[in-house]
Structures are given as C-alpha cells and as structure tokens.
Amino acid sequence: MLDHLRPTKTQQKPGYILEIFKDGETLDVVSVPISWVNPLPETWGSIEHDTRQTV
C-alpha cells in the first residue's frame, strides 16, 4: 500500500506512507520523503514514475 503525503507548513517535502507486509500480514507502516523511495523493477517490472510535484 502506498499513500501520498502533500507538503505542509511543518513538513515541507512531499512523502509517502508505506505499508510493509509479508504473506498478507502488516509488519510495519512508515512515513518517508519521496526522495527515499525507489521502484523495484525486478519485483514490479519496468516502471516509469512521474517525479513532478503536484499542487
């Protein structure tokens, strides 16, 4: 699961909330800046992602 976080006054960089799971069980939920996230092409196939920020 991946949720997008818009910039705020206190957190000025956009980010994602990521759910880490294994065998259908949630192991952890973390919030990270977008710059920390990289697609895994070996798992998800060839991915093109848009790095432009939306307002």
C-alpha atoms as a PDB file:
ATOM      1  CA  MET A   1       0.000   0.000   0.000  1.00  0.00           C
ATOM      2  CA  LEU A   2       1.221   3.495  -0.738  1.00  0.00           C
ATOM      3  CA  ASP A   3      -0.368   6.818   0.245  1.00  0.00           C
ATOM      4  CA  HIS A   4       0.880  10.219  -0.940  1.00  0.00           C
ATOM      5  CA  LEU A   5       1.562  12.957   1.643  1.00  0.00           C
ATOM      6  CA  ARG A   6       1.343  16.547   0.481  1.00  0.00           C
ATOM      7  CA  PRO A   7       3.760  19.150   1.859  1.00  0.00           C
ATOM      8  CA  THR A   8       2.562  21.056   4.932  1.00  0.00           C
ATOM      9  CA  LYS A   9       3.837  24.026   6.927  1.00  0.00           C
ATOM     10  CA  THR A  10       5.700  21.710   9.318  1.00  0.00           C
ATOM     11  CA  GLN A  11       6.783  19.080   6.746  1.00  0.00           C
ATOM     12  CA  GLN A  12       7.735  20.962   3.606  1.00  0.00           C
ATOM     13  CA  LYS A  13       8.679  17.968   1.438  1.00  0.00           C
ATOM     14  CA  PRO A  14       6.099  15.589  -0.035  1.00  0.00           C
ATOM     15  CA  GLY A  15       6.266  11.995   1.086  1.00  0.00           C
ATOM     16  CA  TYR A  16       4.636   8.587   1.173  1.00  0.00           C
ATOM     17  CA  ILE A  17       3.127   6.382   3.828  1.00  0.00           C
ATOM     18  CA  LEU A  18       4.288   2.841   3.079  1.00  0.00           C
ATOM     19  CA  GLU A  19       2.891  -0.385   4.462  1.00  0.00           C
ATOM     20  CA  ILE A  20       5.405  -3.214   4.685  1.00  0.00           C
ATOM     21  CA  PHE A  21       3.828  -6.637   4.672  1.00  0.00           C
ATOM     22  CA  LYS A  22       4.676 -10.298   4.232  1.00  0.00           C
ATOM     23  CA  ASP A  23       2.268 -13.116   3.481  1.00  0.00           C
ATOM     24  CA  GLY A  24      -0.672 -10.720   3.844  1.00  0.00           C
ATOM     25  CA  GLU A  25       0.335  -9.604   7.356  1.00  0.00           C
ATOM     26  CA  THR A  26       1.331  -5.991   8.053  1.00  0.00           C
ATOM     27  CA  LEU A  27       4.825  -5.807   9.520  1.00  0.00           C
ATOM     28  CA  ASP A  28       5.154  -2.021   9.764  1.00  0.00           C
ATOM     29  CA  VAL A  29       3.817   1.312   8.484  1.00  0.00           C
ATOM     30  CA  VAL A  30       6.315   4.119   7.860  1.00  0.00           C
ATOM     31  CA  SER A  31       6.254   7.699   6.559  1.00  0.00           C
ATOM     32  CA  VAL A  32       9.191   8.711   4.350  1.00  0.00           C
ATOM     33  CA  PRO A  33      10.128  11.558   1.986  1.00  0.00           C
ATOM     34  CA  ILE A  34       9.578  10.795  -1.704  1.00  0.00           C
ATOM     35  CA  SER A  35      13.349  11.027  -2.262  1.00  0.00           C
ATOM     36  CA  TRP A  36      13.814   7.894  -0.105  1.00  0.00           C
ATOM     37  CA  VAL A  37      11.585   5.721  -2.329  1.00  0.00           C
ATOM     38  CA  ASN A  38      12.852   3.823  -5.373  1.00  0.00           C
ATOM     39  CA  PRO A  39      10.785   1.481  -7.560  1.00  0.00           C
ATOM     40  CA  LEU A  40      11.912  -2.143  -7.569  1.00  0.00           C
ATOM     41  CA  PRO A  41      11.891  -3.097 -11.270  1.00  0.00           C
ATOM     42  CA  GLU A  42      12.977  -6.683 -10.513  1.00  0.00           C
ATOM     43  CA  THR A  43       9.771  -7.083  -8.488  1.00  0.00           C
ATOM     44  CA  TRP A  44       7.299  -4.780 -10.210  1.00  0.00           C
ATOM     45  CA  GLY A  45       8.543  -4.846 -13.809  1.00  0.00           C
ATOM     46  CA  SER A  46       9.619  -1.853 -15.802  1.00  0.00           C
ATOM     47  CA  ILE A  47       8.215   1.201 -14.045  1.00  0.00           C
ATOM     48  CA  GLU A  48       8.178   4.780 -15.224  1.00  0.00           C
ATOM     49  CA  HIS A  49       7.281   7.160 -12.431  1.00  0.00           C
ATOM     50  CA  ASP A  50       6.466  10.832 -12.544  1.00  0.00           C
ATOM     51  CA  THR A  51       8.722  12.860 -10.247  1.00  0.00           C
ATOM     52  CA  ARG A  52       6.867  16.127 -10.881  1.00  0.00           C
ATOM     53  CA  GLN A  53       5.216  17.512  -7.775  1.00  0.00           C
ATOM     54  CA  THR A  54       1.536  18.406  -7.887  1.00  0.00           C
ATOM     55  CA  VAL A  55      -0.022  21.299  -6.043  1.00  0.00           C
END
